[in-house]
Protein backbone atom coordinates (compact mmCIF):
# COMPACT_ATOMS: atom_id res chain seq x y z
CA MET A 1 83.04 107.27 107.92
CA GLU A 2 81.57 109.52 110.60
CA GLU A 3 83.38 112.23 109.60
CA ASN A 4 83.22 112.20 105.53
CA VAL A 5 80.39 109.67 104.69
CA PHE A 6 77.39 109.98 106.91
CA PRO A 7 77.51 113.81 107.02
CA ASP A 8 77.31 113.67 102.93
CA PRO A 9 73.93 115.09 102.13
CA ALA A 10 73.18 112.01 99.53
CA VAL A 11 74.01 109.84 102.58
CA ALA A 12 72.33 111.75 105.33
CA GLU A 13 69.16 111.80 103.28
CA VAL A 14 68.94 107.85 102.90
CA LEU A 15 69.96 107.39 106.65
CA ASP A 16 67.45 110.25 107.81
CA SER A 17 64.52 108.86 105.97
CA LYS A 18 64.64 105.03 105.72
CA PHE A 19 66.89 103.99 109.07
CA ILE A 20 67.06 104.10 112.70
CA GLU A 21 70.78 104.29 113.85
CA ALA A 22 72.27 101.77 116.49
CA ARG A 23 75.62 101.29 117.52
CA ILE A 24 77.99 99.13 119.78
CA HIS A 25 80.65 100.92 121.19
CA THR A 26 83.32 97.91 121.45
CA ASP A 27 85.98 100.49 123.11
CA HIS A 28 83.63 101.55 126.20
CA GLU A 29 85.24 101.36 129.20
CA GLU A 30 82.62 99.77 131.33
CA GLN A 31 80.56 97.84 128.70
CA GLY A 32 83.29 97.19 125.95
CA GLU A 33 83.94 93.35 126.74
CA ALA A 34 80.08 92.61 126.68
CA ASN A 35 79.69 94.77 123.45
CA ARG A 36 82.52 92.81 121.82
CA ALA A 37 80.83 89.65 122.63
CA LEU A 38 77.53 91.20 121.52
CA GLN A 39 79.35 92.23 118.39
CA LEU A 40 80.99 88.40 117.67
CA GLU A 41 77.55 87.04 118.29
CA MET A 42 75.53 89.18 115.99
CA THR A 43 78.50 89.30 113.09
CA SER A 44 80.54 86.22 113.99
CA SER A 45 83.47 88.95 113.72
CA VAL A 46 85.07 91.17 115.90
CA ALA A 47 86.64 93.51 112.89
CA GLN A 48 85.53 96.89 112.81
CA PRO A 49 83.83 98.72 110.98
CA ILE A 50 81.12 96.08 110.24
CA TYR A 51 77.49 97.65 109.36
CA LEU A 52 74.46 95.67 109.50
CA LEU A 53 71.01 96.53 108.31
CA LEU A 54 68.95 94.62 110.77
CA ASP A 55 64.99 94.37 110.85
CA PRO A 56 64.06 95.88 114.06
CA MET A 57 60.97 93.51 114.61
CA SER A 58 62.64 90.28 113.58
CA GLY A 59 66.28 90.61 113.77
CA GLU A 60 66.77 89.65 110.16
CA VAL A 61 69.76 91.09 108.46
CA HIS A 62 68.97 92.48 105.16
CA GLY A 63 72.65 93.77 104.46
CA ARG A 64 76.19 93.69 105.68
CA LEU A 65 79.01 95.59 104.62
CA ASP A 66 82.61 95.01 106.22
CA GLY A 67 85.18 98.00 106.41
CA ALA A 68 84.78 101.66 105.46
CA THR A 69 84.03 102.95 102.02
CA LEU A 70 86.43 105.96 101.40
CA GLY A 71 86.70 108.34 98.93
CA ASP A 72 83.46 107.38 96.94
CA ASN A 73 80.01 107.14 99.06
CA GLN A 74 78.07 105.51 96.31
CA PRO A 75 78.87 102.06 97.14
CA PHE A 76 77.73 103.04 100.60
CA ILE A 77 74.39 104.48 99.47
CA ASP A 78 73.89 101.32 97.28
CA PHE A 79 74.39 99.17 100.10
CA LEU A 80 71.66 101.16 102.48
CA GLU A 81 69.42 101.19 99.21
CA ALA A 82 69.75 97.45 98.65
CA GLY A 83 69.26 96.25 102.03
CA TRP A 84 66.07 98.94 102.10
CA ALA A 85 64.57 97.02 99.19
CA ALA A 86 65.61 93.75 100.53
CA ALA A 87 63.64 94.39 103.68
CA ARG A 88 60.68 95.51 101.66
CA GLY A 89 60.90 92.15 99.76
CA GLU A 90 61.59 93.82 96.53
């Protein structure tokens, strides 16, 4: 995803114009255990990758995608756009 999907101009345009990125690194040497606990609390899963679209004010989840999209970036764009619309009440 980081090498093939996020840099795609169509994906990057949506991400850059509508979202603020935040990551939880569960393999971090010092904070990995705490980050894994946070991921489990937020998603009820330790699987990776998991993408959540969160409202920064309320913490409400407006979208969740488990796993990576490979080869075709349109499903990820659709996920982002649907989450954006849900957050705006559309």
